[in-house]
Amino acid sequence: MTENQDVKKAIYNMGGAKIAAGKLRVSTSTISKWCRHGVIPNLDMATRVSAASGFAVDSLRPRFKESAT
């Protein structure tokens, strides 16, 4: 498990795993996987969770931050 708890908090802000899964049209096991790994790998889903929960997309996708070169 990762140290990033923002995904769990964002899902909680959406009303919990079951409600979030219904709103996002994904399974509750998908939500659990995101919470367990601390990341939402799909940009579209991360954007939707961000809009619904108030969390920044960057905090929901920490592994996928683009580095400036």
Protein backbone atom coordinates (compact mmCIF):
# COMPACT_ATOMS: atom_id res chain seq x y z
CA MET A 1 0.00 0.00 0.00
CA THR A 2 1.18 3.47 -0.78
CA GLU A 3 1.42 6.42 1.58
CA ASN A 4 -0.93 8.51 -0.57
CA GLN A 5 -4.32 8.61 1.15
CA ASP A 6 -5.85 11.26 -1.14
CA VAL A 7 -7.67 8.69 -3.27
CA LYS A 8 -9.36 7.22 -0.18
CA LYS A 9 -10.31 10.69 1.04
CA ALA A 10 -11.65 11.68 -2.38
CA ILE A 11 -13.81 8.55 -2.59
CA TYR A 12 -15.04 9.23 0.96
CA ASN A 13 -15.95 12.80 -0.10
CA MET A 14 -17.99 11.33 -2.96
CA GLY A 15 -20.06 9.34 -0.47
CA GLY A 16 -18.07 6.13 -0.20
CA ALA A 17 -17.02 3.34 -2.54
CA LYS A 18 -20.50 2.12 -3.48
CA ILE A 19 -21.85 5.57 -4.33
CA ALA A 20 -18.65 6.58 -6.14
CA ALA A 21 -18.74 3.37 -8.18
CA GLY A 22 -22.31 4.11 -9.23
CA LYS A 23 -21.52 7.70 -10.18
CA LEU A 24 -18.42 6.68 -12.14
CA ARG A 25 -19.99 3.53 -13.61
CA VAL A 26 -17.19 1.25 -12.41
CA SER A 27 -17.22 -1.69 -10.02
CA THR A 28 -16.62 -1.32 -6.30
CA SER A 29 -13.60 -3.60 -6.76
CA THR A 30 -12.13 -1.00 -9.12
CA ILE A 31 -12.64 1.67 -6.47
CA SER A 32 -11.01 -0.61 -3.88
CA LYS A 33 -8.02 -1.14 -6.18
CA TRP A 34 -7.58 2.60 -6.61
CA CYS A 35 -7.72 3.11 -2.84
CA ARG A 36 -5.34 0.23 -2.16
CA HIS A 37 -2.75 1.49 -4.66
CA GLY A 38 -3.32 5.18 -3.88
CA VAL A 39 -3.66 6.17 -7.54
CA ILE A 40 -6.30 6.46 -10.24
CA PRO A 41 -4.44 5.46 -13.42
CA ASN A 42 -7.14 6.60 -15.88
CA LEU A 43 -6.92 10.36 -16.48
CA ASP A 44 -10.61 10.67 -17.36
CA MET A 45 -11.65 8.91 -14.16
CA ALA A 46 -9.20 10.95 -12.09
CA THR A 47 -10.65 14.13 -13.59
CA ARG A 48 -14.20 13.00 -12.77
CA VAL A 49 -13.24 12.08 -9.19
CA SER A 50 -11.44 15.40 -8.86
CA ALA A 51 -14.51 17.34 -9.96
CA ALA A 52 -16.81 15.41 -7.63
CA SER A 53 -14.56 15.40 -4.57
CA GLY A 54 -12.62 18.66 -4.70
CA PHE A 55 -9.21 16.96 -4.78
CA ALA A 56 -6.61 17.98 -7.37
CA VAL A 57 -6.00 15.55 -10.23
CA ASP A 58 -2.27 15.59 -9.41
CA SER A 59 -2.94 14.25 -5.93
CA LEU A 60 -5.07 11.44 -7.36
CA ARG A 61 -2.43 10.46 -9.94
CA PRO A 62 0.92 11.03 -8.15
CA ARG A 63 2.82 8.41 -10.17
CA PHE A 64 1.78 10.02 -13.41
CA LYS A 65 3.05 13.58 -12.80
CA GLU A 66 4.95 14.80 -15.78
CA SER A 67 8.46 15.95 -15.05
CA ALA A 68 9.67 19.13 -16.71
CA THR A 69 12.67 18.60 -18.94
